[in-house]
Protein backbone atom coordinates (compact mmCIF):
# COMPACT_ATOMS: atom_id res chain seq x y z
CA UNK A 1 0.00 0.00 0.00
CA UNK A 2 1.35 3.41 -1.00
CA UNK A 3 1.29 6.51 1.16
CA UNK A 4 0.18 9.71 -0.60
CA UNK A 5 0.88 13.26 0.57
CA UNK A 6 -2.08 15.62 0.25
CA UNK A 7 -1.14 19.30 0.47
CA UNK A 8 -3.13 22.49 0.03
CA UNK A 9 -2.88 26.16 0.92
CA UNK A 10 -5.54 28.19 2.71
CA UNK A 11 -5.52 31.97 2.54
CA UNK A 12 -7.82 34.25 4.52
CA UNK A 13 -9.16 37.14 2.40
CA UNK A 14 -11.20 40.32 3.12
CA UNK A 15 -11.30 39.45 6.77
CA UNK A 16 -10.67 42.61 8.75
CA UNK A 17 -11.12 41.24 12.26
CA UNK A 18 -13.82 38.78 11.19
CA UNK A 19 -13.54 35.17 12.22
CA UNK A 20 -13.58 32.26 9.83
CA UNK A 21 -12.96 28.59 10.56
CA UNK A 22 -12.14 25.69 8.28
CA UNK A 23 -12.45 21.94 8.69
CA UNK A 24 -10.81 19.52 6.28
CA UNK A 25 -11.92 15.91 6.05
CA UNK A 26 -10.33 13.09 4.06
CA UNK A 27 -12.28 9.85 3.80
CA UNK A 28 -14.53 10.85 6.75
CA UNK A 29 -11.51 11.54 9.00
CA UNK A 30 -11.05 15.10 10.23
CA UNK A 31 -7.49 16.22 9.47
CA UNK A 32 -7.83 19.96 10.23
CA UNK A 33 -10.21 22.09 12.31
CA UNK A 34 -9.12 25.63 13.20
CA UNK A 35 -9.92 29.29 12.98
CA UNK A 36 -7.69 30.95 10.42
CA UNK A 37 -5.74 33.52 12.39
CA UNK A 38 -2.78 33.98 10.08
CA UNK A 39 -3.41 35.08 6.52
CA UNK A 40 -1.97 31.88 5.03
CA UNK A 41 -1.74 28.27 6.13
CA UNK A 42 -0.36 25.18 4.39
CA UNK A 43 -2.00 21.86 5.19
CA UNK A 44 -0.10 18.57 4.81
CA UNK A 45 -1.54 15.13 5.41
CA UNK A 46 -0.39 11.64 4.47
CA UNK A 47 -2.95 8.93 3.76
CA UNK A 48 -2.89 5.31 2.64
CA UNK A 49 -3.80 5.02 -1.03
CA UNK A 50 -6.09 2.06 -0.57
CA UNK A 51 -8.08 0.97 -3.58
CA UNK A 52 -11.47 2.50 -4.06
CA UNK A 53 -12.99 5.93 -3.68
CA UNK A 54 -11.50 8.83 -1.70
CA UNK A 55 -13.22 12.07 -0.76
CA UNK A 56 -11.79 15.43 0.26
CA UNK A 57 -14.17 17.83 2.00
CA UNK A 58 -13.33 21.43 2.90
CA UNK A 59 -15.85 23.02 5.25
CA UNK A 60 -16.14 26.77 5.85
CA UNK A 61 -17.87 27.55 9.16
CA UNK A 62 -18.24 30.10 11.95
CA UNK A 63 -17.99 33.10 9.65
CA UNK A 64 -18.45 36.51 11.27
CA UNK A 65 -18.62 39.85 9.50
CA UNK A 66 -16.83 43.01 10.58
CA UNK A 67 -17.33 46.64 9.68
CA UNK A 68 -14.43 48.85 8.61
CA UNK A 69 -13.91 52.49 9.61
CA UNK A 70 -16.26 53.60 6.79
CA UNK A 71 -19.11 51.28 7.90
CA UNK A 72 -18.49 48.87 5.03
CA UNK A 73 -19.13 45.21 5.85
CA UNK A 74 -16.11 42.97 5.35
CA UNK A 75 -17.01 39.44 4.33
CA UNK A 76 -14.18 37.03 5.14
CA UNK A 77 -13.39 34.43 2.50
CA UNK A 78 -10.96 31.55 2.14
CA UNK A 79 -8.92 30.90 -0.97
CA UNK A 80 -7.96 27.25 -1.48
CA UNK A 81 -5.00 26.72 -3.80
CA UNK A 82 -2.00 24.55 -4.59
CA UNK A 83 -4.02 21.37 -4.05
CA UNK A 84 -1.61 18.50 -4.65
CA UNK A 85 -1.46 14.72 -4.43
CA UNK A 86 2.19 13.71 -4.05
CA UNK A 87 3.24 17.00 -5.61
CA UNK A 88 0.89 16.70 -8.62
CA UNK A 89 -1.18 19.87 -8.70
CA UNK A 90 -4.90 19.16 -9.14
CA UNK A 91 -6.38 22.68 -8.78
CA UNK A 92 -7.89 22.57 -12.28
CA UNK A 93 -9.51 19.19 -11.62
CA UNK A 94 -10.89 20.60 -8.37
CA UNK A 95 -12.46 23.51 -10.28
CA UNK A 96 -13.96 21.14 -12.88
CA UNK A 97 -15.21 18.33 -10.65
CA UNK A 98 -15.76 19.56 -7.09
CA UNK A 99 -19.15 20.61 -5.77
CA UNK A 100 -19.74 23.50 -3.36
CA UNK A 101 -22.84 23.09 -1.20
CA UNK A 102 -23.71 26.28 0.64
CA UNK A 103 -25.13 25.65 4.12
CA UNK A 104 -28.07 27.99 3.48
CA UNK A 105 -28.88 26.66 0.00
CA UNK A 106 -28.87 22.87 0.27
CA UNK A 107 -31.05 22.47 -2.82
CA UNK A 108 -28.25 23.24 -5.25
CA UNK A 109 -24.69 22.18 -5.96
CA UNK A 110 -22.50 25.09 -7.00
CA UNK A 111 -19.23 25.08 -8.90
CA UNK A 112 -16.06 25.71 -6.93
CA UNK A 113 -13.68 28.33 -8.33
CA UNK A 114 -11.01 28.37 -5.63
CA UNK A 115 -12.69 30.67 -3.09
CA UNK A 116 -15.20 29.99 -0.36
CA UNK A 117 -17.26 32.92 0.89
CA UNK A 118 -20.41 31.19 2.07
CA UNK A 119 -20.48 28.69 4.88
CA UNK A 120 -20.67 25.25 3.32
CA UNK A 121 -18.70 22.30 1.99
CA UNK A 122 -16.55 21.75 -1.08
CA UNK A 123 -16.28 18.06 -1.98
CA UNK A 124 -14.07 16.22 -4.44
CA UNK A 125 -14.05 12.47 -4.99
CA UNK A 126 -11.41 10.43 -6.78
CA UNK A 127 -10.45 6.81 -7.31
CA UNK A 128 -7.22 5.04 -6.48
CA UNK A 129 -4.65 4.87 -7.75
CA UNK A 130 -4.82 8.66 -7.88
CA UNK A 131 -2.32 9.00 -10.76
CA UNK A 132 -4.54 6.82 -12.99
CA UNK A 133 -7.59 8.89 -12.01
CA UNK A 134 -5.73 12.12 -12.89
CA UNK A 135 -4.71 10.67 -16.25
CA UNK A 136 -8.28 9.57 -17.01
CA UNK A 137 -9.67 13.01 -16.09
CA UNK A 138 -7.13 14.97 -18.12
CA UNK A 139 -7.07 12.65 -21.18
CA UNK A 140 -10.55 11.10 -21.55
Foldseek 3Di string as FASTA:
>chain_A
DDKKKWKKKKFKPQAVPKWKWKWKDKQNHTDDTDIDPDGMDMDIDIDDQDFDKMKIKMFIDDTDWDADPVRDIGQMKMFMAQTDINNHGCLVVLQVAKWWAAPVCNPDTDGDDGMGRGGTMIMDMFGPPRVVRVVVVVPD
